[in-house]
C-alpha atoms as a PDB file:
ATOM      1  CA  MET A   1      17.009  26.166  58.054  1.00  0.00           C
ATOM      2  CA  VAL A   2      19.388  29.094  58.977  1.00  0.00           C
ATOM      3  CA  LEU A   3      21.247  29.392  62.185  1.00  0.00           C
ATOM      4  CA  ALA A   4      22.566  32.948  62.717  1.00  0.00           C
ATOM      5  CA  ALA A   5      25.084  33.906  65.392  1.00  0.00           C
ATOM      6  CA  ASN A   6      26.344  37.395  66.354  1.00  0.00           C
ATOM      7  CA  PRO A   7      28.913  37.412  69.023  1.00  0.00           C
ATOM      8  CA  GLN A   8      28.331  40.853  70.256  1.00  0.00           C
ATOM      9  CA  ASN A   9      25.002  41.540  68.887  1.00  0.00           C
ATOM     10  CA  SER A  10      25.599  45.390  68.598  1.00  0.00           C
ATOM     11  CA  PRO A  11      27.313  46.335  65.438  1.00  0.00           C
ATOM     12  CA  SER A  12      29.730  49.339  65.720  1.00  0.00           C
ATOM     13  CA  ASN A  13      28.640  50.744  62.216  1.00  0.00           C
ATOM     14  CA  GLY A  14      24.925  51.352  63.607  1.00  0.00           C
ATOM     15  CA  GLU A  15      23.198  48.674  61.183  1.00  0.00           C
ATOM     16  CA  LYS A  16      20.587  46.517  62.363  1.00  0.00           C
ATOM     17  CA  ARG A  17      21.686  43.102  62.941  1.00  0.00           C
ATOM     18  CA  ILE A  18      19.175  40.076  63.640  1.00  0.00           C
ATOM     19  CA  GLN A  19      19.317  38.496  67.055  1.00  0.00           C
ATOM     20  CA  ASP A  20      20.972  34.938  67.442  1.00  0.00           C
ATOM     21  CA  GLY A  21      18.532  32.145  66.527  1.00  0.00           C
ATOM     22  CA  PHE A  22      17.150  29.607  64.020  1.00  0.00           C
ATOM     23  CA  PHE A  23      15.201  31.125  60.874  1.00  0.00           C
ATOM     24  CA  THR A  24      13.644  29.845  57.621  1.00  0.00           C
ATOM     25  CA  VAL A  25      15.238  31.330  54.512  1.00  0.00           C
ATOM     26  CA  ASP A  26      12.212  33.667  53.881  1.00  0.00           C
ATOM     27  CA  SER A  27      12.041  35.178  57.309  1.00  0.00           C
ATOM     28  CA  PHE A  28      15.833  35.903  57.218  1.00  0.00           C
ATOM     29  CA  GLN A  29      15.914  37.859  53.882  1.00  0.00           C
ATOM     30  CA  GLY A  30      17.135  41.485  54.592  1.00  0.00           C
ATOM     31  CA  ASN A  31      19.185  40.533  57.457  1.00  0.00           C
ATOM     32  CA  GLN A  32      22.707  39.809  58.183  1.00  0.00           C
ATOM     33  CA  ALA A  33      25.004  38.020  60.833  1.00  0.00           C
ATOM     34  CA  GLU A  34      28.482  37.258  61.538  1.00  0.00           C
ATOM     35  CA  VAL A  35      28.363  33.578  61.417  1.00  0.00           C
ATOM     36  CA  ILE A  36      25.665  31.653  59.521  1.00  0.00           C
ATOM     37  CA  ALA A  37      25.039  28.056  59.423  1.00  0.00           C
ATOM     38  CA  ILE A  38      22.796  26.506  56.858  1.00  0.00           C
ATOM     39  CA  SER A  39      21.290  23.061  56.890  1.00  0.00           C
ATOM     40  CA  LEU A  40      21.071  22.003  53.157  1.00  0.00           C
ATOM     41  CA  VAL A  41      20.359  18.292  54.352  1.00  0.00           C
ATOM     42  CA  ARG A  42      18.416  16.466  51.701  1.00  0.00           C
ATOM     43  CA  ASN A  43      18.923  12.980  50.602  1.00  0.00           C
ATOM     44  CA  ASN A  44      16.004  11.852  48.471  1.00  0.00           C
ATOM     45  CA  GLN A  45      15.740   9.849  45.289  1.00  0.00           C
ATOM     46  CA  LYS A  46      13.586  12.630  43.588  1.00  0.00           C
ATOM     47  CA  GLN A  47      14.364  14.128  40.060  1.00  0.00           C
ATOM     48  CA  PRO A  48      16.581  17.323  40.039  1.00  0.00           C
ATOM     49  CA  SER A  49      13.689  19.699  39.660  1.00  0.00           C
ATOM     50  CA  ASP A  50      11.651  18.078  42.404  1.00  0.00           C
ATOM     51  CA  GLY A  51      14.204  17.115  45.211  1.00  0.00           C
ATOM     52  CA  LEU A  52      15.820  20.452  45.809  1.00  0.00           C
ATOM     53  CA  GLY A  53      12.841  22.557  47.278  1.00  0.00           C
ATOM     54  CA  PHE A  54      13.782  26.084  47.796  1.00  0.00           C
ATOM     55  CA  LEU A  55      17.273  25.311  46.536  1.00  0.00           C
ATOM     56  CA  SER A  56      16.064  25.354  42.952  1.00  0.00           C
ATOM     57  CA  HIS A  57      15.246  29.136  43.368  1.00  0.00           C
ATOM     58  CA  PRO A  58      18.021  31.492  42.562  1.00  0.00           C
ATOM     59  CA  GLN A  59      16.922  34.340  44.558  1.00  0.00           C
ATOM     60  CA  ARG A  60      16.384  32.205  47.749  1.00  0.00           C
ATOM     61  CA  MET A  61      19.893  30.644  47.181  1.00  0.00           C
ATOM     62  CA  ASN A  62      21.218  34.356  46.818  1.00  0.00           C
ATOM     63  CA  VAL A  63      19.640  35.047  50.454  1.00  0.00           C
ATOM     64  CA  LEU A  64      21.457  31.989  51.876  1.00  0.00           C
ATOM     65  CA  ILE A  65      25.096  32.479  50.572  1.00  0.00           C
ATOM     66  CA  SER A  66      25.050  36.404  50.736  1.00  0.00           C
ATOM     67  CA  ARG A  67      24.112  37.272  54.446  1.00  0.00           C
ATOM     68  CA  ALA A  68      27.149  35.965  56.564  1.00  0.00           C
ATOM     69  CA  GLU A  69      29.503  38.678  57.294  1.00  0.00           C
ATOM     70  CA  ARG A  70      32.575  36.478  58.353  1.00  0.00           C
ATOM     71  CA  LEU A  71      31.808  32.777  58.177  1.00  0.00           C
ATOM     72  CA  LEU A  72      29.403  30.785  56.261  1.00  0.00           C
ATOM     73  CA  ILE A  73      28.856  27.001  57.349  1.00  0.00           C
ATOM     74  CA  LEU A  74      27.026  24.811  54.643  1.00  0.00           C
ATOM     75  CA  VAL A  75      25.888  21.518  56.014  1.00  0.00           C
ATOM     76  CA  GLY A  76      24.396  18.867  53.737  1.00  0.00           C
ATOM     77  CA  SER A  77      24.835  15.854  51.746  1.00  0.00           C
ATOM     78  CA  TRP A  78      27.902  16.524  48.951  1.00  0.00           C
ATOM     79  CA  ASP A  79      27.086  13.345  47.096  1.00  0.00           C
ATOM     80  CA  PHE A  80      23.472  14.405  46.889  1.00  0.00           C
ATOM     81  CA  PHE A  81      24.240  17.851  45.417  1.00  0.00           C
ATOM     82  CA  ARG A  82      26.914  16.475  42.953  1.00  0.00           C
ATOM     83  CA  ALA A  83      24.306  13.908  41.593  1.00  0.00           C
ATOM     84  CA  GLN A  84      21.660  16.717  41.051  1.00  0.00           C
ATOM     85  CA  VAL A  85      24.417  19.009  39.161  1.00  0.00           C
ATOM     86  CA  ALA A  86      25.344  15.917  37.225  1.00  0.00           C
ATOM     87  CA  HIS A  87      21.818  15.920  35.718  1.00  0.00           C
ATOM     88  CA  VAL A  88      21.961  19.575  34.877  1.00  0.00           C
ATOM     89  CA  SER A  89      25.275  19.258  32.954  1.00  0.00           C
ATOM     90  CA  ARG A  90      23.872  16.215  31.002  1.00  0.00           C
ATOM     91  CA  ASN A  91      20.803  17.898  29.998  1.00  0.00           C
ATOM     92  CA  PRO A  92      21.059  21.864  30.445  1.00  0.00           C
ATOM     93  CA  ASP A  93      18.021  22.840  28.402  1.00  0.00           C
ATOM     94  CA  ARG A  94      15.694  20.686  30.653  1.00  0.00           C
ATOM     95  CA  PHE A  95      17.353  21.634  33.893  1.00  0.00           C
ATOM     96  CA  SER A  96      18.211  25.381  33.076  1.00  0.00           C
ATOM     97  CA  GLY A  97      16.520  26.645  36.157  1.00  0.00           C
ATOM     98  CA  LEU A  98      19.229  24.773  38.188  1.00  0.00           C
ATOM     99  CA  LEU A  99      22.153  26.337  36.646  1.00  0.00           C
ATOM    100  CA  HIS A 100      22.872  28.519  39.491  1.00  0.00           C
ATOM    101  CA  LEU A 101      23.443  25.271  41.552  1.00  0.00           C
ATOM    102  CA  ALA A 102      25.863  23.955  38.845  1.00  0.00           C
ATOM    103  CA  VAL A 103      27.787  27.098  39.126  1.00  0.00           C
ATOM    104  CA  MET A 104      28.028  27.415  42.792  1.00  0.00           C
ATOM    105  CA  THR A 105      28.901  23.569  43.364  1.00  0.00           C
ATOM    106  CA  ARG A 106      31.837  23.189  40.846  1.00  0.00           C
ATOM    107  CA  PRO A 107      34.217  25.405  42.805  1.00  0.00           C
ATOM    108  CA  LEU A 108      32.973  24.258  46.207  1.00  0.00           C
ATOM    109  CA  GLY A 109      33.754  20.593  44.920  1.00  0.00           C
ATOM    110  CA  GLU A 110      37.393  21.568  44.406  1.00  0.00           C
ATOM    111  CA  LEU A 111      37.631  22.928  47.916  1.00  0.00           C
ATOM    112  CA  VAL A 112      36.013  19.475  49.211  1.00  0.00           C
ATOM    113  CA  ARG A 113      38.476  17.457  47.168  1.00  0.00           C
ATOM    114  CA  ARG A 114      41.429  19.548  48.510  1.00  0.00           C
ATOM    115  CA  GLY A 115      40.350  19.631  52.084  1.00  0.00           C
END
């Protein structure tokens, strides 16, 4: 789920911005917003390739993390993502389709630890 907020809803550069609201990742593709909050809430016991849903698709992850102009807020279970990435590191051939998550989660993990 994507929550998009544009404080002024009328960009000065003439670009079209999406109206405030809630969106799916697919319906938000091609749009931008000043502030985006993304719900990545997942906390299941499925195997890495089964438990991540749309997050296992690099193109959809790109839509998620590249559309905020000023602020991107990610909400989810950090322990869950860390556990999923651990599987990727231990068996990169089997989970090569999830490598994009491993690349993204490592630097975010440093930020989480530092606060």
